Amino acid sequence: MQAKNFIVFVGGTSVLGAAVLLLGVSTATAQPSGATSTPDSEKPKYTSDGKLIAPSADVYREWIFVGTPVTPNDMNDGEASFPEFHNVYINPTAWKEWKKSGKFPEGTYMVKELTSVGTKKATSGNGYFQGEFTGLEASIKDTKRYPAEAKGWGYYSFGHSYPLAKETAPGVFTKCAECHVKNAAEDMVFVQYYPPLRAAKGKGKE
């Protein structure tokens, strides 16, 4: 079900960088033209039976923050499909490729951290302000692992209340992927609701 009304709060982006000093002989391995090496910290981890292990907040909160949609209950007849704030992060390697080519590469890993709607009043005025962490979801692009009907994306939910699951199986097509197929602006991603993604798309450089 698609939410009726929404508000998007956008903050600054956070880029995780690393500097490596190489001493002596270089041992770099040649890669195909256009290939990008993804650090292990950005790769999804699975159990032996194929469940996704919940990513660490210490890791994904250092990724690129792209926005925070919210569809509050009181703007949707008291019962919104997704009443929480959704803080969305994308892994830095995928972000670089998105900026360069305007495409989400294999291995794109997006994490959605849910928070409740807290107070509706602040010193700046009335509004919707984040409360407490409530849940965690993730989406991953891997065309070898996930079905063609979902365009090679897998969708996961670790729950909408704490304690969260430590691992989880991918959701069925009709639960998440079907809505993305029908409504997402770019390759299963709701780019239309994230100004940082729209602004960065395909600028021709990392």
Protein backbone atom coordinates (compact mmCIF):
# COMPACT_ATOMS: atom_id res chain seq x y z
CA MET A 1 0.00 0.00 0.00
CA GLN A 2 1.33 3.43 -0.92
CA ALA A 3 1.15 6.17 1.71
CA LYS A 4 -0.98 9.19 0.84
CA ASN A 5 0.95 12.08 2.30
CA PHE A 6 4.53 12.48 3.27
CA ILE A 7 7.13 14.85 4.63
CA VAL A 8 10.82 14.46 3.87
CA PHE A 9 13.51 15.78 6.22
CA VAL A 10 16.96 15.92 4.68
CA GLY A 11 20.19 16.39 6.62
CA GLY A 12 23.82 16.55 5.62
CA THR A 13 25.52 13.60 4.07
CA SER A 14 28.26 11.74 5.83
CA VAL A 15 31.07 10.24 3.80
CA LEU A 16 33.06 7.41 5.24
CA GLY A 17 36.61 7.66 4.01
CA ALA A 18 39.84 5.85 4.60
CA ALA A 19 43.43 6.71 3.87
CA VAL A 20 45.92 3.93 3.37
CA LEU A 21 49.66 4.46 3.29
CA LEU A 22 51.45 1.88 1.18
CA LEU A 23 55.09 1.28 1.95
CA GLY A 24 57.35 -0.80 -0.26
CA VAL A 25 56.09 -2.78 -3.25
CA SER A 26 52.49 -2.36 -4.40
CA THR A 27 50.43 -5.55 -4.47
CA ALA A 28 47.29 -4.10 -6.07
CA THR A 29 45.30 -6.58 -8.10
CA ALA A 30 44.15 -5.52 -11.55
CA GLN A 31 40.38 -5.20 -11.95
CA PRO A 32 38.20 -5.00 -15.04
CA SER A 33 37.60 -1.51 -16.36
CA GLY A 34 34.83 0.18 -14.37
CA ALA A 35 34.98 -2.35 -11.52
CA THR A 36 34.77 -1.01 -8.01
CA SER A 37 36.08 -2.84 -4.99
CA THR A 38 33.59 -2.93 -2.13
CA PRO A 39 35.07 -3.08 1.40
CA ASP A 40 33.98 -6.02 3.53
CA SER A 41 32.34 -3.59 5.97
CA GLU A 42 29.86 -2.63 3.24
CA LYS A 43 28.98 -6.17 2.20
CA PRO A 44 25.90 -7.96 3.56
CA LYS A 45 26.55 -10.91 5.85
CA TYR A 46 24.40 -14.03 5.62
CA THR A 47 23.84 -17.12 7.72
CA SER A 48 24.44 -20.59 6.25
CA ASP A 49 20.73 -20.88 5.43
CA GLY A 50 20.62 -17.56 3.58
CA LYS A 51 19.23 -15.19 6.20
CA LEU A 52 20.60 -11.67 6.38
CA ILE A 53 22.47 -10.83 9.58
CA ALA A 54 21.41 -7.46 10.99
CA PRO A 55 23.98 -4.79 10.09
CA SER A 56 25.67 -2.95 12.93
CA ALA A 57 24.52 0.59 13.68
CA ASP A 58 28.18 1.49 14.27
CA VAL A 59 28.75 0.69 10.59
CA TYR A 60 25.72 1.92 8.64
CA ARG A 61 25.42 5.19 10.58
CA GLU A 62 28.79 6.08 9.04
CA TRP A 63 27.40 5.55 5.52
CA ILE A 64 25.77 8.18 3.30
CA PHE A 65 22.55 9.55 4.75
CA VAL A 66 20.06 10.32 1.97
CA GLY A 67 16.91 11.42 3.80
CA THR A 68 14.11 10.75 6.27
CA PRO A 69 10.58 10.30 4.91
CA VAL A 70 7.69 10.16 7.36
CA THR A 71 4.00 9.47 6.75
CA PRO A 72 2.41 10.32 10.12
CA ASN A 73 -0.87 8.84 11.25
CA ASP A 74 -2.62 12.17 11.65
CA MET A 75 -2.08 13.00 7.97
CA ASN A 76 -3.44 9.62 6.86
CA ASP A 77 -6.83 9.18 8.52
CA GLY A 78 -5.23 8.01 11.76
CA GLU A 79 -3.71 4.86 10.26
CA ALA A 80 -0.69 5.37 8.01
CA SER A 81 0.93 2.36 6.39
CA PHE A 82 4.33 3.54 7.59
CA PRO A 83 3.90 5.98 10.50
CA GLU A 84 7.57 6.01 11.55
CA PHE A 85 10.46 8.18 10.44
CA HIS A 86 12.66 6.23 8.01
CA ASN A 87 16.32 7.28 8.24
CA VAL A 88 17.87 5.90 5.06
CA TYR A 89 21.55 5.19 4.43
CA ILE A 90 23.39 3.86 1.36
CA ASN A 91 26.81 2.22 1.35
CA PRO A 92 29.58 4.59 0.17
CA THR A 93 30.73 2.44 -2.75
CA ALA A 94 27.25 2.40 -4.27
CA TRP A 95 26.93 6.13 -3.63
CA LYS A 96 30.12 6.80 -5.60
CA GLU A 97 28.88 4.75 -8.54
CA TRP A 98 25.47 6.45 -8.42
CA LYS A 99 27.18 9.83 -8.62
CA LYS A 100 29.41 8.67 -11.46
CA SER A 101 27.00 6.77 -13.70
CA GLY A 102 23.51 7.34 -12.33
CA LYS A 103 23.14 3.58 -11.75
CA PHE A 104 22.84 1.53 -8.58
CA PRO A 105 25.55 -1.13 -8.91
CA GLU A 106 25.54 -4.75 -7.87
CA GLY A 107 26.06 -4.86 -4.12
CA THR A 108 24.11 -1.68 -3.38
CA TYR A 109 23.15 -1.93 0.28
CA MET A 110 20.55 0.42 1.74
CA VAL A 111 19.57 0.47 5.40
CA LYS A 112 16.38 2.02 6.76
CA GLU A 113 16.44 2.75 10.48
CA LEU A 114 13.00 3.45 11.90
CA THR A 115 12.19 5.89 14.68
CA SER A 116 8.88 6.86 16.23
CA VAL A 117 7.21 10.21 15.88
CA GLY A 118 8.05 11.92 19.15
CA THR A 119 7.03 15.39 20.18
CA LYS A 120 5.16 17.64 17.78
CA LYS A 121 6.34 20.85 19.40
CA ALA A 122 9.77 22.44 19.48
CA THR A 123 11.24 25.87 20.15
CA SER A 124 11.14 26.46 16.39
CA GLY A 125 7.42 25.67 16.16
CA ASN A 126 5.05 22.78 15.56
CA GLY A 127 6.10 19.82 13.45
CA TYR A 128 7.09 16.16 13.54
CA PHE A 129 10.22 15.34 15.50
CA GLN A 130 11.94 12.00 15.91
CA GLY A 131 11.40 9.99 19.07
CA GLU A 132 13.00 6.61 19.78
CA PHE A 133 14.47 3.90 17.58
CA THR A 134 11.79 1.35 16.73
CA GLY A 135 12.94 -0.85 13.86
CA LEU A 136 15.36 -1.76 11.11
CA GLU A 137 15.01 -2.76 7.46
CA ALA A 138 17.40 -3.28 4.57
CA SER A 139 17.44 -3.69 0.80
CA ILE A 140 20.23 -5.19 -1.29
CA LYS A 141 20.86 -5.38 -5.03
CA ASP A 142 22.23 -8.77 -6.02
CA THR A 143 20.82 -10.12 -9.28
CA LYS A 144 22.35 -13.56 -8.70
CA ARG A 145 20.69 -13.98 -5.30
CA TYR A 146 17.31 -12.29 -5.71
CA PRO A 147 14.52 -12.96 -8.24
CA ALA A 148 14.02 -11.26 -11.58
CA GLU A 149 10.47 -10.22 -10.63
CA ALA A 150 12.07 -8.05 -7.91
CA LYS A 151 14.63 -6.80 -10.46
CA GLY A 152 17.42 -8.44 -8.46
CA TRP A 153 16.67 -6.73 -5.15
CA GLY A 154 16.03 -8.34 -1.78
CA TYR A 155 14.06 -6.71 1.05
CA TYR A 156 14.44 -7.48 4.74
CA SER A 157 12.79 -6.44 7.99
CA PHE A 158 14.31 -7.08 11.40
CA GLY A 159 11.16 -5.87 13.12
CA HIS A 160 9.37 -2.67 14.08
CA SER A 161 9.88 -2.92 17.83
CA TYR A 162 12.80 -3.79 20.08
CA PRO A 163 14.36 -6.24 20.62
CA LEU A 164 14.97 -6.69 16.91
CA ALA A 165 15.73 -9.97 15.17
CA LYS A 166 19.43 -10.70 14.76
CA GLU A 167 18.84 -12.32 11.38
CA THR A 168 15.94 -12.56 8.96
CA ALA A 169 14.83 -14.12 5.67
CA PRO A 170 13.93 -11.92 2.68
CA GLY A 171 10.34 -10.73 2.47
CA VAL A 172 7.95 -12.20 -0.06
CA PHE A 173 7.53 -10.30 -3.34
CA THR A 174 4.10 -8.89 -2.48
CA LYS A 175 5.24 -7.46 0.85
CA CYS A 176 7.80 -4.88 -0.36
CA ALA A 177 9.24 -5.52 -3.79
CA GLU A 178 5.93 -5.33 -5.65
CA CYS A 179 5.31 -1.78 -4.42
CA HIS A 180 8.83 -0.78 -5.45
CA VAL A 181 8.36 -2.27 -8.92
CA LYS A 182 5.18 -0.25 -9.41
CA ASN A 183 6.16 3.04 -7.81
CA ALA A 184 9.91 3.55 -7.40
CA ALA A 185 11.41 6.14 -9.73
CA GLU A 186 14.82 4.53 -10.27
CA ASP A 187 15.71 0.83 -10.20
CA MET A 188 13.52 -0.11 -7.22
CA VAL A 189 14.56 2.95 -5.21
CA PHE A 190 12.18 5.79 -4.33
CA VAL A 191 14.61 8.41 -5.59
CA GLN A 192 11.72 10.84 -6.01
CA TYR A 193 11.61 11.29 -2.21
CA TYR A 194 15.36 11.79 -1.66
CA PRO A 195 16.83 15.11 -2.87
CA PRO A 196 20.48 14.05 -2.24
CA LEU A 197 20.04 11.10 -4.62
CA ARG A 198 18.37 13.23 -7.26
CA ALA A 199 21.03 15.94 -7.01
CA ALA A 200 23.97 13.52 -7.21
CA LYS A 201 22.73 11.27 -10.01
CA GLY A 202 25.18 10.70 -12.85
CA LYS A 203 27.40 13.72 -12.41
CA GLY A 204 30.18 11.83 -14.17
CA LYS A 205 32.56 11.74 -11.22
CA GLU A 206 32.83 10.07 -7.84
